[in-house]
């Protein structure tokens, strides 16, 4: 897809969202069911069933997916799609590229071993290795706009309003 095709694809959506801002608000959903035989949650992805369980550092076998890994995978996926879309829009040719994310967790927090240890990632690093002949100023613009428009990055960077509830079936 080139820049013109991307603009043509997105133009009607952008116009609709300008004219009717509420139509731009979409509620994404995820659903999982608790496993009745092990400490695991079966997450419906829309494409397949992902079974998440405890990380080996918390006693898990490693056979199930770790939700922390899934968070980093979502960041990589979103950042990868965003960098490609922005590069296309800016007509920056990318011959190839990789996106990687790594994050530091102190499992003392999630296991309740040390109340001072944070629960969750204390640092996340996102890295792009891009094969392109574009000048550095174009790459700087690409990275700035990718960071700005990557939904998962911005969600992590600016804490959304969160709510938790429970009900009985």
N, C-alpha and C. Protein backbone atom coordinates (compact mmCIF):
# COMPACT_ATOMS: atom_id res chain seq x y z
N UNK A 1 0.85 -1.17 0.00
CA UNK A 1 0.00 0.00 0.00
C UNK A 1 0.90 1.24 0.00
N UNK A 2 0.54 2.22 -0.82
CA UNK A 2 1.31 3.45 -0.84
C UNK A 2 0.55 4.54 -0.09
N UNK A 3 1.16 5.73 0.01
CA UNK A 3 0.58 6.83 0.77
C UNK A 3 -0.78 7.24 0.22
N UNK A 4 -0.94 7.28 -1.09
CA UNK A 4 -2.22 7.68 -1.69
C UNK A 4 -3.32 6.66 -1.37
N UNK A 5 -3.00 5.39 -1.43
CA UNK A 5 -3.98 4.36 -1.13
C UNK A 5 -4.39 4.42 0.35
N UNK A 6 -3.42 4.67 1.22
CA UNK A 6 -3.71 4.80 2.65
C UNK A 6 -4.60 6.01 2.91
N UNK A 7 -4.27 7.14 2.29
CA UNK A 7 -5.09 8.34 2.46
C UNK A 7 -6.51 8.12 1.95
N UNK A 8 -6.64 7.45 0.79
CA UNK A 8 -7.96 7.18 0.23
C UNK A 8 -8.76 6.25 1.14
N UNK A 9 -8.10 5.30 1.76
CA UNK A 9 -8.76 4.38 2.66
C UNK A 9 -9.23 5.09 3.93
N UNK A 10 -8.41 6.00 4.45
CA UNK A 10 -8.71 6.64 5.72
C UNK A 10 -9.52 7.92 5.59
N UNK A 11 -9.53 8.55 4.44
CA UNK A 11 -10.22 9.85 4.27
C UNK A 11 -11.69 9.80 4.67
N UNK A 12 -12.48 8.82 4.19
CA UNK A 12 -13.89 8.82 4.60
C UNK A 12 -14.07 8.62 6.11
N UNK A 13 -13.20 7.84 6.71
CA UNK A 13 -13.28 7.64 8.15
C UNK A 13 -12.96 8.93 8.89
N UNK A 14 -11.91 9.61 8.47
CA UNK A 14 -11.54 10.88 9.12
C UNK A 14 -12.66 11.90 8.98
N UNK A 15 -13.27 11.99 7.80
CA UNK A 15 -14.38 12.92 7.60
C UNK A 15 -15.56 12.56 8.50
N UNK A 16 -15.88 11.28 8.56
CA UNK A 16 -16.98 10.84 9.43
C UNK A 16 -16.70 11.21 10.88
N UNK A 17 -15.47 10.99 11.34
CA UNK A 17 -15.14 11.27 12.73
C UNK A 17 -15.13 12.76 13.03
N UNK A 18 -14.80 13.58 12.03
CA UNK A 18 -14.87 15.04 12.22
C UNK A 18 -16.32 15.49 12.33
N UNK A 19 -17.17 14.93 11.46
CA UNK A 19 -18.58 15.31 11.42
C UNK A 19 -19.37 14.73 12.59
N UNK A 20 -19.04 13.51 12.98
CA UNK A 20 -19.75 12.83 14.06
C UNK A 20 -18.72 12.24 15.02
N UNK A 21 -18.18 13.06 15.92
CA UNK A 21 -17.11 12.59 16.81
C UNK A 21 -17.45 11.32 17.60
N UNK A 22 -18.71 11.16 17.99
CA UNK A 22 -19.07 9.97 18.76
C UNK A 22 -18.88 8.67 17.97
N UNK A 23 -18.93 8.76 16.65
CA UNK A 23 -18.76 7.55 15.85
C UNK A 23 -17.32 7.04 15.88
N UNK A 24 -16.40 7.85 16.37
CA UNK A 24 -15.00 7.44 16.46
C UNK A 24 -14.71 6.64 17.73
N UNK A 25 -15.65 6.63 18.66
CA UNK A 25 -15.45 5.92 19.91
C UNK A 25 -15.94 4.48 19.74
N UNK A 26 -15.01 3.56 19.85
CA UNK A 26 -15.29 2.14 19.69
C UNK A 26 -14.86 1.43 20.97
N UNK A 27 -15.69 0.56 21.47
CA UNK A 27 -15.34 -0.21 22.66
C UNK A 27 -14.78 -1.55 22.22
N UNK A 28 -13.49 -1.76 22.46
CA UNK A 28 -12.86 -3.05 22.18
C UNK A 28 -13.09 -3.94 23.39
N UNK A 29 -13.20 -5.23 23.16
CA UNK A 29 -13.51 -6.15 24.25
C UNK A 29 -12.60 -7.36 24.21
N UNK A 30 -12.34 -7.89 25.37
CA UNK A 30 -11.63 -9.15 25.51
C UNK A 30 -12.37 -9.96 26.55
N UNK A 31 -12.36 -11.27 26.40
CA UNK A 31 -13.08 -12.12 27.33
C UNK A 31 -12.27 -13.38 27.57
N UNK A 32 -12.30 -13.83 28.80
CA UNK A 32 -11.61 -15.06 29.14
C UNK A 32 -12.42 -15.86 30.12
N UNK A 33 -12.16 -17.15 30.19
CA UNK A 33 -12.82 -17.99 31.17
C UNK A 33 -11.77 -18.65 32.06
N UNK A 34 -12.10 -18.73 33.34
CA UNK A 34 -11.16 -19.31 34.29
C UNK A 34 -11.12 -20.81 34.11
N UNK A 35 -9.91 -21.35 34.11
CA UNK A 35 -9.73 -22.79 33.98
C UNK A 35 -10.14 -23.44 35.30
N UNK A 36 -10.90 -24.52 35.23
CA UNK A 36 -11.37 -25.16 36.46
C UNK A 36 -10.41 -26.20 37.00
N UNK A 37 -9.30 -26.45 36.30
CA UNK A 37 -8.37 -27.47 36.77
C UNK A 37 -6.99 -26.94 37.12
N UNK A 38 -6.67 -25.73 36.66
CA UNK A 38 -5.35 -25.18 36.96
C UNK A 38 -5.44 -23.67 37.10
N UNK A 39 -4.35 -23.06 37.52
CA UNK A 39 -4.31 -21.61 37.63
C UNK A 39 -4.03 -21.06 36.25
N UNK A 40 -5.10 -20.85 35.49
CA UNK A 40 -4.99 -20.39 34.10
C UNK A 40 -6.27 -19.68 33.71
N UNK A 41 -6.18 -18.87 32.67
CA UNK A 41 -7.34 -18.17 32.12
C UNK A 41 -7.29 -18.35 30.61
N UNK A 42 -8.39 -18.82 30.04
CA UNK A 42 -8.48 -19.03 28.60
C UNK A 42 -9.04 -17.77 27.97
N UNK A 43 -8.22 -17.08 27.18
CA UNK A 43 -8.59 -15.81 26.59
C UNK A 43 -9.01 -16.02 25.14
N UNK A 44 -10.19 -15.53 24.80
CA UNK A 44 -10.69 -15.59 23.44
C UNK A 44 -10.12 -14.42 22.66
N UNK A 45 -9.29 -14.71 21.67
CA UNK A 45 -8.63 -13.65 20.92
C UNK A 45 -9.37 -13.25 19.65
N UNK A 46 -10.39 -13.98 19.28
CA UNK A 46 -11.07 -13.72 18.02
C UNK A 46 -10.48 -14.56 16.90
N UNK A 47 -9.26 -14.99 17.06
CA UNK A 47 -8.59 -15.81 16.06
C UNK A 47 -8.28 -17.21 16.59
N UNK A 48 -8.02 -17.27 17.88
CA UNK A 48 -7.65 -18.53 18.51
C UNK A 48 -7.88 -18.39 20.01
N UNK A 49 -7.63 -19.45 20.73
CA UNK A 49 -7.75 -19.43 22.17
C UNK A 49 -6.34 -19.35 22.75
N UNK A 50 -6.09 -18.35 23.57
CA UNK A 50 -4.81 -18.20 24.23
C UNK A 50 -4.98 -18.56 25.69
N UNK A 51 -4.15 -19.45 26.20
CA UNK A 51 -4.25 -19.85 27.59
C UNK A 51 -3.11 -19.19 28.36
N UNK A 52 -3.51 -18.31 29.28
CA UNK A 52 -2.53 -17.59 30.10
C UNK A 52 -2.43 -18.25 31.46
N UNK A 53 -1.22 -18.29 31.99
CA UNK A 53 -0.99 -18.89 33.31
C UNK A 53 0.10 -18.15 34.04
N UNK A 54 0.52 -18.74 35.12
CA UNK A 54 1.58 -18.14 35.93
C UNK A 54 2.92 -18.18 35.20
N UNK A 55 3.69 -17.11 35.34
CA UNK A 55 5.06 -17.08 34.84
C UNK A 55 5.89 -18.03 35.70
N UNK A 56 6.91 -18.67 35.12
CA UNK A 56 7.74 -19.56 35.93
C UNK A 56 8.34 -18.89 37.18
N UNK A 57 8.56 -17.57 37.13
CA UNK A 57 9.10 -16.87 38.30
C UNK A 57 8.09 -16.76 39.43
N UNK A 58 6.82 -17.14 39.15
CA UNK A 58 5.80 -17.14 40.20
C UNK A 58 5.27 -18.55 40.45
N UNK A 59 5.95 -19.55 39.92
CA UNK A 59 5.54 -20.93 40.15
C UNK A 59 4.89 -21.62 38.97
N UNK A 60 4.76 -20.92 37.85
CA UNK A 60 4.14 -21.51 36.67
C UNK A 60 5.07 -22.48 35.96
N UNK A 61 4.47 -23.31 35.12
CA UNK A 61 5.24 -24.31 34.38
C UNK A 61 5.93 -23.72 33.16
N UNK A 62 5.41 -22.59 32.68
CA UNK A 62 5.92 -22.02 31.43
C UNK A 62 5.17 -22.54 30.23
N UNK A 63 4.25 -23.47 30.43
CA UNK A 63 3.48 -24.03 29.32
C UNK A 63 2.42 -23.05 28.83
N UNK A 64 1.90 -22.20 29.73
CA UNK A 64 0.89 -21.22 29.35
C UNK A 64 1.56 -19.88 29.04
N UNK A 65 0.82 -19.03 28.37
CA UNK A 65 1.31 -17.68 28.06
C UNK A 65 1.36 -16.85 29.33
N UNK A 66 2.34 -15.98 29.42
CA UNK A 66 2.45 -15.05 30.53
C UNK A 66 1.78 -13.75 30.11
N UNK A 67 0.90 -13.22 30.95
CA UNK A 67 0.20 -11.99 30.59
C UNK A 67 1.16 -10.81 30.42
N UNK A 68 2.27 -10.82 31.14
CA UNK A 68 3.28 -9.77 30.94
C UNK A 68 3.89 -9.84 29.55
N UNK A 69 4.17 -11.06 29.10
CA UNK A 69 4.66 -11.25 27.73
C UNK A 69 3.61 -10.78 26.72
N UNK A 70 2.34 -11.10 27.00
CA UNK A 70 1.26 -10.71 26.10
C UNK A 70 1.15 -9.19 26.01
N UNK A 71 1.37 -8.50 27.13
CA UNK A 71 1.35 -7.04 27.12
C UNK A 71 2.46 -6.51 26.20
N UNK A 72 3.66 -7.06 26.34
CA UNK A 72 4.77 -6.63 25.48
C UNK A 72 4.50 -6.99 24.02
N UNK A 73 3.89 -8.14 23.79
CA UNK A 73 3.55 -8.53 22.42
C UNK A 73 2.53 -7.58 21.81
N UNK A 74 1.56 -7.15 22.62
CA UNK A 74 0.57 -6.17 22.13
C UNK A 74 1.25 -4.85 21.80
N UNK A 75 2.21 -4.45 22.62
CA UNK A 75 2.95 -3.21 22.34
C UNK A 75 3.74 -3.34 21.04
N UNK A 76 4.42 -4.45 20.85
CA UNK A 76 5.20 -4.68 19.63
C UNK A 76 4.27 -4.69 18.40
N UNK A 77 3.15 -5.37 18.51
CA UNK A 77 2.21 -5.45 17.39
C UNK A 77 1.69 -4.07 17.03
N UNK A 78 1.25 -3.32 18.02
CA UNK A 78 0.69 -1.99 17.77
C UNK A 78 1.76 -1.05 17.22
N UNK A 79 2.93 -1.07 17.82
CA UNK A 79 4.02 -0.19 17.36
C UNK A 79 4.46 -0.56 15.95
N UNK A 80 4.48 -1.86 15.64
CA UNK A 80 4.86 -2.30 14.30
C UNK A 80 3.88 -1.84 13.24
N UNK A 81 2.59 -1.99 13.53
CA UNK A 81 1.56 -1.53 12.59
C UNK A 81 1.62 -0.02 12.45
N UNK A 82 1.80 0.67 13.58
CA UNK A 82 1.82 2.14 13.55
C UNK A 82 3.02 2.65 12.77
N UNK A 83 4.20 2.09 13.00
CA UNK A 83 5.39 2.58 12.28
C UNK A 83 5.24 2.35 10.78
N UNK A 84 4.62 1.21 10.40
CA UNK A 84 4.40 0.95 8.97
C UNK A 84 3.40 1.95 8.38
N UNK A 85 2.33 2.24 9.11
CA UNK A 85 1.32 3.18 8.63
C UNK A 85 1.90 4.59 8.50
N UNK A 86 2.66 5.01 9.50
CA UNK A 86 3.26 6.34 9.47
C UNK A 86 4.30 6.42 8.36
N UNK A 87 5.12 5.39 8.21
CA UNK A 87 6.13 5.38 7.14
C UNK A 87 5.45 5.45 5.78
N UNK A 88 4.34 4.74 5.63
CA UNK A 88 3.59 4.77 4.37
C UNK A 88 3.05 6.17 4.12
N UNK A 89 2.44 6.77 5.14
CA UNK A 89 1.86 8.11 4.99
C UNK A 89 2.92 9.15 4.67
N UNK A 90 4.11 9.02 5.27
CA UNK A 90 5.19 9.98 5.05
C UNK A 90 6.07 9.61 3.84
N UNK A 91 5.72 8.52 3.19
CA UNK A 91 6.49 8.01 2.04
C UNK A 91 7.95 7.77 2.39
N UNK A 92 8.14 7.15 3.55
CA UNK A 92 9.47 6.72 3.98
C UNK A 92 9.61 5.25 3.63
N UNK A 93 10.48 4.92 2.69
CA UNK A 93 10.61 3.52 2.30
C UNK A 93 11.30 2.69 3.38
N UNK A 94 10.63 1.63 3.82
CA UNK A 94 11.22 0.69 4.76
C UNK A 94 11.44 -0.63 4.03
N UNK A 95 12.69 -1.02 3.87
CA UNK A 95 12.99 -2.28 3.19
C UNK A 95 12.66 -3.46 4.09
N UNK A 96 12.92 -3.29 5.37
CA UNK A 96 12.66 -4.33 6.37
C UNK A 96 12.76 -3.67 7.73
N UNK A 97 12.41 -4.41 8.75
CA UNK A 97 12.53 -3.87 10.09
C UNK A 97 12.05 -4.85 11.13
N UNK A 98 12.47 -4.61 12.34
CA UNK A 98 11.99 -5.39 13.48
C UNK A 98 11.61 -4.42 14.60
N UNK A 99 10.70 -4.88 15.42
CA UNK A 99 10.27 -4.13 16.60
C UNK A 99 10.44 -5.06 17.78
N UNK A 100 11.03 -4.58 18.84
CA UNK A 100 11.18 -5.42 20.03
C UNK A 100 10.84 -4.60 21.27
N UNK A 101 10.36 -5.29 22.27
CA UNK A 101 10.05 -4.66 23.55
C UNK A 101 10.55 -5.57 24.65
N UNK A 102 11.09 -4.96 25.67
CA UNK A 102 11.49 -5.71 26.85
C UNK A 102 11.12 -4.90 28.07
N UNK A 103 10.78 -5.60 29.13
CA UNK A 103 10.35 -4.92 30.33
C UNK A 103 10.90 -5.60 31.57
N UNK A 104 11.13 -4.81 32.59
CA UNK A 104 11.71 -5.31 33.84
C UNK A 104 10.61 -5.46 34.89
N UNK A 105 10.49 -6.66 35.44
CA UNK A 105 9.55 -6.97 36.51
C UNK A 105 10.32 -7.45 37.73
N UNK A 106 9.87 -7.05 38.91
CA UNK A 106 10.40 -7.56 40.17
C UNK A 106 9.30 -8.43 40.75
N UNK A 107 9.44 -9.73 40.66
CA UNK A 107 8.38 -10.64 41.08
C UNK A 107 8.15 -10.68 42.58
N UNK A 108 9.02 -10.01 43.35
CA UNK A 108 8.75 -9.91 44.79
C UNK A 108 7.45 -9.14 45.03
N UNK A 109 7.15 -8.18 44.15
CA UNK A 109 5.93 -7.40 44.30
C UNK A 109 4.68 -8.23 44.08
N UNK A 110 4.62 -8.95 42.96
CA UNK A 110 3.41 -9.72 42.64
C UNK A 110 3.22 -10.91 43.56
N UNK A 111 4.30 -11.41 44.16
CA UNK A 111 4.18 -12.51 45.10
C UNK A 111 3.99 -12.04 46.54
N UNK A 112 4.01 -10.73 46.76
CA UNK A 112 3.81 -10.20 48.10
C UNK A 112 4.97 -10.44 49.04
N UNK A 113 6.15 -10.66 48.48
CA UNK A 113 7.33 -10.92 49.30
C UNK A 113 7.86 -9.62 49.92
N UNK A 114 7.76 -8.54 49.17
CA UNK A 114 8.26 -7.23 49.61
C UNK A 114 7.22 -6.18 49.24
N UNK A 115 6.61 -5.58 50.23
CA UNK A 115 5.56 -4.58 49.98
C UNK A 115 6.09 -3.33 49.30
N UNK A 116 7.38 -3.12 49.32
CA UNK A 116 7.99 -1.96 48.66
C UNK A 116 8.28 -2.23 47.18
N UNK A 117 8.33 -3.50 46.80
CA UNK A 117 8.60 -3.86 45.41
C UNK A 117 7.34 -3.60 44.59
N UNK A 118 7.48 -2.95 43.44
CA UNK A 118 6.30 -2.65 42.63
C UNK A 118 5.69 -3.92 42.03
N UNK A 119 4.38 -3.88 41.86
CA UNK A 119 3.68 -4.93 41.12
C UNK A 119 3.53 -4.40 39.71
N UNK A 120 4.06 -5.08 38.75
CA UNK A 120 4.01 -4.61 37.36
C UNK A 120 5.39 -4.22 36.87
N UNK A 121 5.41 -3.80 35.62
CA UNK A 121 6.67 -3.42 35.00
C UNK A 121 7.19 -2.13 35.61
N UNK A 122 8.47 -2.11 35.92
CA UNK A 122 9.08 -0.87 36.40
C UNK A 122 9.70 -0.09 35.24
N UNK A 123 9.99 -0.80 34.15
CA UNK A 123 10.53 -0.14 32.95
C UNK A 123 10.20 -0.99 31.73
N UNK A 124 9.89 -0.32 30.64
CA UNK A 124 9.65 -0.98 29.35
C UNK A 124 10.44 -0.23 28.30
N UNK A 125 11.15 -0.98 27.46
CA UNK A 125 11.94 -0.39 26.39
C UNK A 125 11.44 -0.92 25.05
N UNK A 126 11.11 0.00 24.15
CA UNK A 126 10.64 -0.34 22.81
C UNK A 126 11.72 0.07 21.82
N UNK A 127 12.07 -0.85 20.93
CA UNK A 127 13.17 -0.59 20.00
C UNK A 127 12.77 -0.96 18.58
N UNK A 128 13.13 -0.10 17.64
CA UNK A 128 12.91 -0.34 16.21
C UNK A 128 14.27 -0.48 15.54
N UNK A 129 14.44 -1.52 14.74
CA UNK A 129 15.59 -1.66 13.86
C UNK A 129 15.03 -1.59 12.45
N UNK A 130 15.30 -0.47 11.77
CA UNK A 130 14.67 -0.20 10.48
C UNK A 130 15.70 -0.14 9.36
N UNK A 131 15.48 -0.90 8.32
CA UNK A 131 16.34 -0.89 7.14
C UNK A 131 15.75 0.12 6.16
N UNK A 132 16.36 1.29 6.13
CA UNK A 132 15.87 2.37 5.26
C UNK A 132 17.02 3.30 4.90
N UNK A 133 16.88 3.96 3.76
CA UNK A 133 17.86 4.96 3.34
C UNK A 133 17.39 6.37 3.69
N UNK A 134 16.29 6.48 4.40
CA UNK A 134 15.73 7.80 4.74
C UNK A 134 16.72 8.57 5.62
N UNK A 135 16.76 9.90 5.45
CA UNK A 135 17.64 10.72 6.29
C UNK A 135 17.20 10.70 7.76
N UNK A 136 18.12 11.02 8.64
CA UNK A 136 17.87 10.94 10.08
C UNK A 136 16.68 11.79 10.52
N UNK A 137 16.52 12.98 9.91
CA UNK A 137 15.39 13.83 10.32
C UNK A 137 14.05 13.17 10.00
N UNK A 138 13.99 12.40 8.91
CA UNK A 138 12.77 11.66 8.58
C UNK A 138 12.55 10.52 9.58
N UNK A 139 13.62 9.84 9.97
CA UNK A 139 13.50 8.78 10.96
C UNK A 139 13.06 9.33 12.31
N UNK A 140 13.59 10.50 12.67
CA UNK A 140 13.18 11.14 13.92
C UNK A 140 11.69 11.47 13.90
N UNK A 141 11.21 11.97 12.78
CA UNK A 141 9.79 12.29 12.62
C UNK A 141 8.96 11.01 12.67
N UNK A 142 9.44 9.96 12.02
CA UNK A 142 8.76 8.67 12.02
C UNK A 142 8.60 8.15 13.44
N UNK A 143 9.67 8.20 14.21
CA UNK A 143 9.62 7.71 15.59
C UNK A 143 8.70 8.56 16.46
N UNK A 144 8.77 9.86 16.30
CA UNK A 144 7.93 10.78 17.07
C UNK A 144 6.44 10.53 16.79
N UNK A 145 6.09 10.37 15.53
CA UNK A 145 4.69 10.14 15.17
C UNK A 145 4.22 8.73 15.54
N UNK A 146 5.12 7.77 15.43
CA UNK A 146 4.78 6.40 15.84
C UNK A 146 4.47 6.38 17.33
N UNK A 147 5.30 7.02 18.12
CA UNK A 147 5.07 7.11 19.56
C UNK A 147 3.74 7.81 19.84
N UNK A 148 3.46 8.87 19.12
CA UNK A 148 2.25 9.66 19.33
C UNK A 148 0.98 8.87 19.00
N UNK A 149 1.01 8.06 17.94
CA UNK A 149 -0.20 7.41 17.45
C UNK A 149 -0.33 5.93 17.82
N UNK A 150 0.64 5.36 18.50
CA UNK A 150 0.56 3.95 18.91
C UNK A 150 -0.36 3.86 20.13
N UNK A 151 -1.50 3.22 19.94
CA UNK A 151 -2.52 3.13 20.98
C UNK A 151 -1.99 2.45 22.25
N UNK A 152 -1.30 1.34 22.11
CA UNK A 152 -0.82 0.62 23.29
C UNK A 152 0.26 1.43 24.00
N UNK A 153 1.17 2.04 23.25
CA UNK A 153 2.21 2.87 23.88
C UNK A 153 1.58 4.01 24.67
N UNK A 154 0.64 4.71 24.04
CA UNK A 154 0.01 5.85 24.71
C UNK A 154 -0.82 5.41 25.91
N UNK A 155 -1.44 4.25 25.83
CA UNK A 155 -2.20 3.74 26.98
C UNK A 155 -1.28 3.46 28.15
N UNK A 156 -0.12 2.88 27.87
CA UNK A 156 0.86 2.65 28.94
C UNK A 156 1.45 3.95 29.45
N UNK A 157 1.64 4.90 28.56
CA UNK A 157 2.29 6.16 28.90
C UNK A 157 1.38 7.10 29.68
N UNK A 158 0.08 7.03 29.43
CA UNK A 158 -0.90 7.89 30.10
C UNK A 158 -1.99 6.99 30.68
N UNK A 159 -1.91 6.76 31.96
CA UNK A 159 -2.82 5.83 32.61
C UNK A 159 -4.29 6.18 32.32
N UNK A 160 -5.03 5.21 31.76
CA UNK A 160 -6.45 5.45 31.51
C UNK A 160 -7.26 5.31 32.81
N UNK A 161 -8.48 5.76 32.76
CA UNK A 161 -9.38 5.53 33.89
C UNK A 161 -9.65 4.04 33.95
N UNK A 162 -9.48 3.46 35.10
CA UNK A 162 -9.65 2.01 35.27
C UNK A 162 -10.78 1.74 36.26
N UNK A 163 -11.46 0.65 36.07
CA UNK A 163 -12.50 0.22 36.99
C UNK A 163 -12.50 -1.29 37.05
N UNK A 164 -12.78 -1.83 38.22
CA UNK A 164 -12.85 -3.28 38.42
C UNK A 164 -14.18 -3.56 39.09
N UNK A 165 -14.84 -4.63 38.64
CA UNK A 165 -16.09 -5.03 39.27
C UNK A 165 -16.19 -6.55 39.24
N UNK A 166 -17.07 -7.08 40.03
CA UNK A 166 -17.33 -8.52 40.04
C UNK A 166 -18.83 -8.72 40.17
N UNK A 167 -19.32 -9.81 39.60
CA UNK A 167 -20.73 -10.15 39.72
C UNK A 167 -20.86 -11.65 39.81
N UNK A 168 -22.02 -12.08 40.21
CA UNK A 168 -22.32 -13.51 40.25
C UNK A 168 -23.21 -13.86 39.06
N UNK A 169 -22.96 -15.02 38.43
CA UNK A 169 -23.79 -15.39 37.27
C UNK A 169 -25.24 -15.64 37.66
